[in-house]
Amino acid sequence: MALSRRLRERTHLILALGLVIGVYLLLAYGAYSLFTSQIPSGNDFYSRWRGTRALLLEGKDPYSEEVTLKIQRGMYGRPARGDEDRVAFAYPLYVSLYILPLAFSAGLGYAIVATVILYLGLAQYLRSHGISSLITVR
């Protein structure tokens, strides 16, 4: 009886995880299709993420030409042409504090998965401490 209950709970957790990841990926694809792919510089998050990684992991100035070139290659696949946005890291340095948790992931996909796992861990922690009113999945 306890084994089947545990198995059922794990199945529900796996299904919930799959649903959350599926919805997130669908929303990410929708945002990409509607905004990023059709609006120049619509993928502005990349320059913040890449600049923060350069600062924290490589010890480089996120405002430097070298980092700007890396951002351009990541976004355009080549250096920006004269008529294109330079997509440089053009933000106050404190913006990196907001990107900090995501900067340590090797790719944005890993950051997404890590966020989902952290959220599910937090949900489990809250449920185990009797704070289940914040959790909608039971």
Protein backbone atom coordinates (compact mmCIF):
# COMPACT_ATOMS: atom_id res chain seq x y z
CA MET A 1 0.00 0.00 0.00
CA ALA A 2 2.75 2.48 0.97
CA LEU A 3 4.78 1.46 -2.07
CA SER A 4 1.93 2.13 -4.47
CA ARG A 5 1.27 5.50 -2.81
CA ARG A 6 4.94 6.42 -3.16
CA LEU A 7 4.96 5.28 -6.76
CA ARG A 8 1.84 7.33 -7.45
CA GLU A 9 3.40 10.42 -5.81
CA ARG A 10 6.56 10.03 -7.86
CA THR A 11 4.51 9.57 -11.01
CA HIS A 12 2.60 12.75 -10.22
CA LEU A 13 5.84 14.60 -9.53
CA ILE A 14 7.37 13.42 -12.81
CA LEU A 15 4.23 14.37 -14.71
CA ALA A 16 4.17 17.78 -13.02
CA LEU A 17 7.84 18.31 -13.84
CA GLY A 18 7.22 17.32 -17.44
CA LEU A 19 4.23 19.64 -17.62
CA VAL A 20 6.15 22.57 -16.14
CA ILE A 21 9.09 22.04 -18.49
CA GLY A 22 6.74 21.57 -21.45
CA VAL A 23 4.79 24.75 -20.71
CA TYR A 24 8.00 26.69 -20.11
CA LEU A 25 9.51 25.53 -23.40
CA LEU A 26 6.27 26.33 -25.22
CA LEU A 27 6.23 29.83 -23.74
CA ALA A 28 9.92 30.31 -24.53
CA TYR A 29 9.35 29.23 -28.13
CA GLY A 30 6.30 31.50 -28.36
CA ALA A 31 8.27 34.46 -27.02
CA TYR A 32 11.07 33.71 -29.46
CA SER A 33 8.66 33.40 -32.40
CA LEU A 34 6.72 36.55 -31.56
CA PHE A 35 9.46 38.86 -30.35
CA THR A 36 13.05 37.72 -30.66
CA SER A 37 13.08 36.46 -34.22
CA GLN A 38 11.09 39.39 -35.66
CA ILE A 39 12.35 42.40 -33.70
CA PRO A 40 15.96 43.49 -34.04
CA SER A 41 17.64 43.15 -30.64
CA GLY A 42 14.56 41.42 -29.24
CA ASN A 43 16.87 38.86 -27.69
CA ASP A 44 18.37 41.52 -25.43
CA PHE A 45 18.72 39.10 -22.51
CA TYR A 46 21.61 37.35 -24.24
CA SER A 47 23.88 40.38 -24.07
CA ARG A 48 23.22 40.72 -20.33
CA TRP A 49 23.78 37.01 -19.74
CA ARG A 50 26.96 36.86 -21.85
CA GLY A 51 28.36 40.07 -20.38
CA THR A 52 27.75 38.81 -16.84
CA ARG A 53 29.44 35.50 -17.66
CA ALA A 54 32.44 37.36 -19.07
CA LEU A 55 32.72 39.42 -15.91
CA LEU A 56 32.28 36.63 -13.38
CA LEU A 57 33.78 33.59 -15.06
CA GLU A 58 36.42 35.10 -17.34
CA GLY A 59 37.30 38.23 -15.34
CA LYS A 60 36.78 40.43 -18.40
CA ASP A 61 35.26 43.86 -18.67
CA PRO A 62 31.70 43.35 -19.98
CA TYR A 63 31.92 46.75 -21.74
CA SER A 64 35.05 45.82 -23.71
CA GLU A 65 35.20 45.35 -27.47
CA GLU A 66 36.27 41.73 -26.97
CA VAL A 67 33.13 40.87 -25.00
CA THR A 68 30.97 42.87 -27.42
CA LEU A 69 32.38 40.80 -30.29
CA LYS A 70 31.55 37.58 -28.39
CA ILE A 71 27.99 38.82 -27.86
CA GLN A 72 27.67 39.67 -31.56
CA ARG A 73 28.95 36.25 -32.58
CA GLY A 74 26.49 34.63 -30.19
CA MET A 75 23.54 36.60 -31.51
CA TYR A 76 24.35 37.11 -35.17
CA GLY A 77 26.87 34.33 -35.72
CA ARG A 78 29.33 36.99 -36.91
CA PRO A 79 30.46 40.51 -36.02
CA ALA A 80 27.69 43.09 -36.40
CA ARG A 81 27.55 45.03 -39.64
CA GLY A 82 27.57 48.82 -39.60
CA ASP A 83 23.78 49.03 -40.04
CA GLU A 84 23.03 46.57 -37.20
CA ASP A 85 22.74 47.06 -33.46
CA ARG A 86 26.09 46.46 -31.76
CA VAL A 87 24.26 44.49 -29.00
CA ALA A 88 26.92 45.47 -26.50
CA PHE A 89 26.54 45.05 -22.74
CA ALA A 90 25.19 48.57 -22.22
CA TYR A 91 23.71 48.31 -18.76
CA PRO A 92 24.70 49.44 -15.29
CA LEU A 93 26.91 46.85 -13.64
CA TYR A 94 24.29 46.02 -10.97
CA VAL A 95 22.21 44.36 -13.69
CA SER A 96 24.67 41.48 -13.35
CA LEU A 97 23.29 40.82 -9.87
CA TYR A 98 19.94 39.88 -11.40
CA ILE A 99 21.58 37.59 -13.93
CA LEU A 100 23.97 36.08 -11.38
CA PRO A 101 22.09 32.79 -10.75
CA LEU A 102 21.89 32.11 -14.48
CA ALA A 103 25.42 33.19 -15.32
CA PHE A 104 27.02 30.02 -13.99
CA SER A 105 25.14 27.72 -16.35
CA ALA A 106 26.90 26.66 -19.52
CA GLY A 107 23.85 27.48 -21.59
CA LEU A 108 20.46 29.04 -21.27
CA GLY A 109 18.81 25.63 -21.57
CA TYR A 110 20.63 24.43 -18.48
CA ALA A 111 19.57 27.56 -16.64
CA ILE A 112 15.95 26.82 -17.48
CA VAL A 113 16.18 23.25 -16.20
CA ALA A 114 17.98 24.39 -13.05
CA THR A 115 15.23 26.92 -12.36
CA VAL A 116 12.53 24.27 -12.67
CA ILE A 117 14.42 21.88 -10.39
CA LEU A 118 14.98 24.62 -7.80
CA TYR A 119 11.30 25.55 -7.91
CA LEU A 120 10.23 21.95 -7.42
CA GLY A 121 12.69 21.57 -4.54
CA LEU A 122 11.27 24.70 -2.94
CA ALA A 123 7.75 23.37 -3.40
CA GLN A 124 8.71 20.10 -1.70
CA TYR A 125 10.37 21.99 1.16
CA LEU A 126 7.32 24.19 1.68
CA ARG A 127 5.00 21.19 1.60
CA SER A 128 7.14 19.31 4.15
CA HIS A 129 6.94 22.30 6.49
CA GLY A 130 3.16 22.60 6.24
CA ILE A 131 3.10 25.59 3.91
CA SER A 132 1.08 23.92 1.22
CA SER A 133 -1.26 26.83 0.51
CA LEU A 134 1.45 28.29 -1.75
CA ILE A 135 1.67 25.09 -3.77
CA THR A 136 -1.00 24.42 -6.36
CA VAL A 137 0.12 20.93 -7.38
CA ARG A 138 -0.85 18.22 -4.89
